[in-house]
PDB file of N, CA and C in Angstrom:
ATOM      1  N   UNK A   1       0.839  -1.174   0.000  1.00  0.00           N
ATOM      2  CA  UNK A   1       0.000   0.000   0.000  1.00  0.00           C
ATOM      3  C   UNK A   1       0.886   1.240   0.000  1.00  0.00           C
ATOM      4  N   UNK A   2       0.500   2.230  -0.759  1.00  0.00           N
ATOM      5  CA  UNK A   2       1.282   3.458  -0.853  1.00  0.00           C
ATOM      6  C   UNK A   2       1.076   4.344   0.364  1.00  0.00           C
ATOM      7  N   UNK A   3       2.095   5.128   0.651  1.00  0.00           N
ATOM      8  CA  UNK A   3       1.968   6.147   1.689  1.00  0.00           C
ATOM      9  C   UNK A   3       2.449   7.464   1.097  1.00  0.00           C
ATOM     10  N   UNK A   4       1.840   8.552   1.534  1.00  0.00           N
ATOM     11  CA  UNK A   4       2.150   9.876   1.020  1.00  0.00           C
ATOM     12  C   UNK A   4       2.322  10.836   2.180  1.00  0.00           C
ATOM     13  N   UNK A   5       3.045  11.911   1.922  1.00  0.00           N
ATOM     14  CA  UNK A   5       3.195  12.950   2.923  1.00  0.00           C
ATOM     15  C   UNK A   5       2.585  14.234   2.371  1.00  0.00           C
ATOM     16  N   UNK A   6       1.825  14.920   3.215  1.00  0.00           N
ATOM     17  CA  UNK A   6       1.136  16.152   2.839  1.00  0.00           C
ATOM     18  C   UNK A   6       1.512  17.267   3.793  1.00  0.00           C
ATOM     19  N   UNK A   7       1.371  18.498   3.315  1.00  0.00           N
ATOM     20  CA  UNK A   7       1.496  19.687   4.147  1.00  0.00           C
ATOM     21  C   UNK A   7       0.121  20.331   4.209  1.00  0.00           C
ATOM     22  N   UNK A   8      -0.293  20.727   5.409  1.00  0.00           N
ATOM     23  CA  UNK A   8      -1.562  21.434   5.568  1.00  0.00           C
ATOM     24  C   UNK A   8      -1.333  22.877   5.127  1.00  0.00           C
ATOM     25  N   UNK A   9      -1.838  23.222   3.952  1.00  0.00           N
ATOM     26  CA  UNK A   9      -1.650  24.571   3.406  1.00  0.00           C
ATOM     27  C   UNK A   9      -2.624  25.567   4.020  1.00  0.00           C
ATOM     28  N   UNK A  10      -3.875  25.146   4.210  1.00  0.00           N
ATOM     29  CA  UNK A  10      -4.894  26.065   4.720  1.00  0.00           C
ATOM     30  C   UNK A  10      -5.993  25.269   5.408  1.00  0.00           C
ATOM     31  N   UNK A  11      -6.506  25.831   6.495  1.00  0.00           N
ATOM     32  CA  UNK A  11      -7.673  25.257   7.160  1.00  0.00           C
ATOM     33  C   UNK A  11      -8.822  26.221   6.916  1.00  0.00           C
ATOM     34  N   UNK A  12      -9.911  25.677   6.378  1.00  0.00           N
ATOM     35  CA  UNK A  12     -11.051  26.495   5.974  1.00  0.00           C
ATOM     36  C   UNK A  12     -12.329  25.872   6.540  1.00  0.00           C
ATOM     37  N   UNK A  13     -12.664  26.232   7.773  1.00  0.00           N
ATOM     38  CA  UNK A  13     -13.867  25.693   8.399  1.00  0.00           C
ATOM     39  C   UNK A  13     -13.768  24.199   8.629  1.00  0.00           C
ATOM     40  N   UNK A  14     -14.661  23.447   8.005  1.00  0.00           N
ATOM     41  CA  UNK A  14     -14.698  21.994   8.173  1.00  0.00           C
ATOM     42  C   UNK A  14     -13.777  21.255   7.219  1.00  0.00           C
ATOM     43  N   UNK A  15     -12.972  21.980   6.459  1.00  0.00           N
ATOM     44  CA  UNK A  15     -12.096  21.361   5.455  1.00  0.00           C
ATOM     45  C   UNK A  15     -10.667  21.868   5.599  1.00  0.00           C
ATOM     46  N   UNK A  16      -9.737  21.070   5.105  1.00  0.00           N
ATOM     47  CA  UNK A  16      -8.326  21.462   5.057  1.00  0.00           C
ATOM     48  C   UNK A  16      -7.838  21.259   3.636  1.00  0.00           C
ATOM     49  N   UNK A  17      -6.981  22.155   3.183  1.00  0.00           N
ATOM     50  CA  UNK A  17      -6.371  22.070   1.867  1.00  0.00           C
ATOM     51  C   UNK A  17      -4.964  21.496   2.054  1.00  0.00           C
ATOM     52  N   UNK A  18      -4.717  20.336   1.457  1.00  0.00           N
ATOM     53  CA  UNK A  18      -3.438  19.641   1.613  1.00  0.00           C
ATOM     54  C   UNK A  18      -2.671  19.631   0.302  1.00  0.00           C
ATOM     55  N   UNK A  19      -1.343  19.760   0.407  1.00  0.00           N
ATOM     56  CA  UNK A  19      -0.464  19.679  -0.760  1.00  0.00           C
ATOM     57  C   UNK A  19       0.473  18.495  -0.572  1.00  0.00           C
ATOM     58  N   UNK A  20       0.547  17.639  -1.596  1.00  0.00           N
ATOM     59  CA  UNK A  20       1.447  16.486  -1.529  1.00  0.00           C
ATOM     60  C   UNK A  20       2.890  16.956  -1.629  1.00  0.00           C
ATOM     61  N   UNK A  21       3.735  16.472  -0.744  1.00  0.00           N
ATOM     62  CA  UNK A  21       5.134  16.907  -0.697  1.00  0.00           C
ATOM     63  C   UNK A  21       5.933  16.455  -1.914  1.00  0.00           C
ATOM     64  N   UNK A  22       5.624  15.291  -2.468  1.00  0.00           N
ATOM     65  CA  UNK A  22       6.396  14.794  -3.602  1.00  0.00           C
ATOM     66  C   UNK A  22       5.871  15.306  -4.943  1.00  0.00           C
ATOM     67  N   UNK A  23       4.737  15.995  -4.951  1.00  0.00           N
ATOM     68  CA  UNK A  23       4.171  16.586  -6.170  1.00  0.00           C
ATOM     69  C   UNK A  23       3.677  18.001  -5.865  1.00  0.00           C
ATOM     70  N   UNK A  24       4.587  18.932  -5.519  1.00  0.00           N
ATOM     71  CA  UNK A  24       4.145  20.273  -5.111  1.00  0.00           C
ATOM     72  C   UNK A  24       3.436  21.046  -6.216  1.00  0.00           C
ATOM     73  N   UNK A  25       3.676  20.691  -7.480  1.00  0.00           N
ATOM     74  CA  UNK A  25       3.024  21.404  -8.584  1.00  0.00           C
ATOM     75  C   UNK A  25       1.583  20.943  -8.804  1.00  0.00           C
ATOM     76  N   UNK A  26       1.216  19.823  -8.230  1.00  0.00           N
ATOM     77  CA  UNK A  26      -0.164  19.330  -8.343  1.00  0.00           C
ATOM     78  C   UNK A  26      -1.086  20.226  -7.523  1.00  0.00           C
ATOM     79  N   UNK A  27      -2.341  20.188  -7.811  1.00  0.00           N
ATOM     80  CA  UNK A  27      -3.311  21.014  -7.093  1.00  0.00           C
ATOM     81  C   UNK A  27      -3.487  20.584  -5.651  1.00  0.00           C
ATOM     82  N   UNK A  28      -4.155  21.423  -4.903  1.00  0.00           N
ATOM     83  CA  UNK A  28      -4.432  21.120  -3.504  1.00  0.00           C
ATOM     84  C   UNK A  28      -5.534  20.081  -3.408  1.00  0.00           C
ATOM     85  N   UNK A  29      -5.476  19.281  -2.364  1.00  0.00           N
ATOM     86  CA  UNK A  29      -6.482  18.260  -2.098  1.00  0.00           C
ATOM     87  C   UNK A  29      -7.358  18.763  -0.960  1.00  0.00           C
ATOM     88  N   UNK A  30      -8.656  18.798  -1.187  1.00  0.00           N
ATOM     89  CA  UNK A  30      -9.601  19.237  -0.178  1.00  0.00           C
ATOM     90  C   UNK A  30     -10.064  18.024   0.629  1.00  0.00           C
ATOM     91  N   UNK A  31      -9.841  18.073   1.950  1.00  0.00           N
ATOM     92  CA  UNK A  31     -10.135  16.933   2.823  1.00  0.00           C
ATOM     93  C   UNK A  31     -10.976  17.417   4.000  1.00  0.00           C
ATOM     94  N   UNK A  32     -12.007  16.663   4.325  1.00  0.00           N
ATOM     95  CA  UNK A  32     -12.847  16.989   5.486  1.00  0.00           C
ATOM     96  C   UNK A  32     -12.028  16.847   6.766  1.00  0.00           C
ATOM     97  N   UNK A  33     -12.130  17.818   7.634  1.00  0.00           N
ATOM     98  CA  UNK A  33     -11.369  17.773   8.892  1.00  0.00           C
ATOM     99  C   UNK A  33     -11.818  16.642   9.797  1.00  0.00           C
ATOM    100  N   UNK A  34     -13.003  16.116   9.573  1.00  0.00           N
ATOM    101  CA  UNK A  34     -13.505  15.019  10.395  1.00  0.00           C
ATOM    102  C   UNK A  34     -12.636  13.771  10.275  1.00  0.00           C
ATOM    103  N   UNK A  35     -11.899  13.606   9.164  1.00  0.00           N
ATOM    104  CA  UNK A  35     -11.047  12.424   9.005  1.00  0.00           C
ATOM    105  C   UNK A  35      -9.576  12.736   9.249  1.00  0.00           C
ATOM    106  N   UNK A  36      -9.292  13.967   9.682  1.00  0.00           N
ATOM    107  CA  UNK A  36      -7.914  14.375   9.996  1.00  0.00           C
ATOM    108  C   UNK A  36      -7.731  14.417  11.509  1.00  0.00           C
ATOM    109  N   UNK A  37      -6.474  14.332  11.976  1.00  0.00           N
ATOM    110  CA  UNK A  37      -6.243  14.471  13.423  1.00  0.00           C
ATOM    111  C   UNK A  37      -6.768  15.822  13.905  1.00  0.00           C
ATOM    112  N   UNK A  38      -7.447  15.877  15.042  1.00  0.00           N
ATOM    113  CA  UNK A  38      -8.069  17.129  15.493  1.00  0.00           C
ATOM    114  C   UNK A  38      -7.082  18.242  15.817  1.00  0.00           C
ATOM    115  N   UNK A  39      -5.841  17.920  16.109  1.00  0.00           N
ATOM    116  CA  UNK A  39      -4.868  18.944  16.511  1.00  0.00           C
ATOM    117  C   UNK A  39      -4.059  19.526  15.356  1.00  0.00           C
ATOM    118  N   UNK A  40      -4.478  19.305  14.100  1.00  0.00           N
ATOM    119  CA  UNK A  40      -3.713  19.832  12.973  1.00  0.00           C
ATOM    120  C   UNK A  40      -3.720  21.358  12.965  1.00  0.00           C
ATOM    121  N   UNK A  41      -2.643  21.929  12.403  1.00  0.00           N
ATOM    122  CA  UNK A  41      -2.507  23.371  12.218  1.00  0.00           C
ATOM    123  C   UNK A  41      -1.897  23.595  10.843  1.00  0.00           C
ATOM    124  N   UNK A  42      -2.067  24.800  10.304  1.00  0.00           N
ATOM    125  CA  UNK A  42      -1.486  25.125   9.015  1.00  0.00           C
ATOM    126  C   UNK A  42       0.033  25.000   9.094  1.00  0.00           C
ATOM    127  N   UNK A  43       0.627  24.419   8.048  1.00  0.00           N
ATOM    128  CA  UNK A  43       2.068  24.220   7.998  1.00  0.00           C
ATOM    129  C   UNK A  43       2.519  22.868   8.526  1.00  0.00           C
ATOM    130  N   UNK A  44       1.632  22.143   9.160  1.00  0.00           N
ATOM    131  CA  UNK A  44       1.955  20.837   9.736  1.00  0.00           C
ATOM    132  C   UNK A  44       2.041  19.779   8.641  1.00  0.00           C
ATOM    133  N   UNK A  45       2.912  18.793   8.827  1.00  0.00           N
ATOM    134  CA  UNK A  45       3.039  17.684   7.884  1.00  0.00           C
ATOM    135  C   UNK A  45       2.216  16.494   8.367  1.00  0.00           C
ATOM    136  N   UNK A  46       1.543  15.856   7.408  1.00  0.00           N
ATOM    137  CA  UNK A  46       0.733  14.683   7.691  1.00  0.00           C
ATOM    138  C   UNK A  46       1.198  13.526   6.826  1.00  0.00           C
ATOM    139  N   UNK A  47       1.117  12.330   7.368  1.00  0.00           N
ATOM    140  CA  UNK A  47       1.345  11.114   6.589  1.00  0.00           C
ATOM    141  C   UNK A  47      -0.007  10.483   6.305  1.00  0.00           C
ATOM    142  N   UNK A  48      -0.143   9.925   5.102  1.00  0.00           N
ATOM    143  CA  UNK A  48      -1.369   9.229   4.707  1.00  0.00           C
ATOM    144  C   UNK A  48      -0.993   7.803   4.360  1.00  0.00           C
ATOM    145  N   UNK A  49      -1.604   6.868   5.069  1.00  0.00           N
ATOM    146  CA  UNK A  49      -1.311   5.455   4.845  1.00  0.00           C
ATOM    147  C   UNK A  49      -2.524   4.630   5.280  1.00  0.00           C
ATOM    148  N   UNK A  50      -2.873   3.646   4.475  1.00  0.00           N
ATOM    149  CA  UNK A  50      -3.983   2.735   4.783  1.00  0.00           C
ATOM    150  C   UNK A  50      -5.274   3.507   5.072  1.00  0.00           C
ATOM    151  N   UNK A  51      -5.546   4.536   4.253  1.00  0.00           N
ATOM    152  CA  UNK A  51      -6.767   5.332   4.328  1.00  0.00           C
ATOM    153  C   UNK A  51      -6.883   6.151   5.607  1.00  0.00           C
ATOM    154  N   UNK A  52      -5.769   6.437   6.267  1.00  0.00           N
ATOM    155  CA  UNK A  52      -5.771   7.248   7.474  1.00  0.00           C
ATOM    156  C   UNK A  52      -4.678   8.308   7.407  1.00  0.00           C
ATOM    157  N   UNK A  53      -4.938   9.441   8.047  1.00  0.00           N
ATOM    158  CA  UNK A  53      -3.970  10.526   8.149  1.00  0.00           C
ATOM    159  C   UNK A  53      -3.391  10.554   9.560  1.00  0.00           C
ATOM    160  N   UNK A  54      -2.073  10.736   9.644  1.00  0.00           N
ATOM    161  CA  UNK A  54      -1.353  10.798  10.915  1.00  0.00           C
ATOM    162  C   UNK A  54      -0.424  12.014  10.890  1.00  0.00           C
ATOM    163  N   UNK A  55      -0.208  12.623  12.028  1.00  0.00           N
ATOM    164  CA  UNK A  55       0.760  13.728  12.101  1.00  0.00           C
ATOM    165  C   UNK A  55       2.147  13.141  11.948  1.00  0.00           C
ATOM    166  N   UNK A  56       2.935  13.753  11.070  1.00  0.00           N
ATOM    167  CA  UNK A  56       4.280  13.273  10.782  1.00  0.00           C
ATOM    168  C   UNK A  56       5.191  13.513  11.983  1.00  0.00           C
ATOM    169  N   UNK A  57       6.037  12.560  12.276  1.00  0.00           N
ATOM    170  CA  UNK A  57       6.991  12.680  13.385  1.00  0.00           C
ATOM    171  C   UNK A  57       8.322  13.238  12.925  1.00  0.00           C
ATOM    172  N   UNK A  58       8.436  13.604  11.667  1.00  0.00           N
ATOM    173  CA  UNK A  58       9.716  14.146  11.126  1.00  0.00           C
ATOM    174  C   UNK A  58       9.885  15.585  11.480  1.00  0.00           C
TER     175      UNK A  58
END
């Protein structure tokens, strides 16, 4: 299963705009905050693996 790393570019109400770190030229991904860790902040890195988002420990 693939894993990806994202940066939280913007938090907009119930949604967050994420940018993939390995494809920065690609568009932003809009994700419902309900499936993200509740303590996310703009600029934070997230890992995505097995259909779940986790705060990156890097």
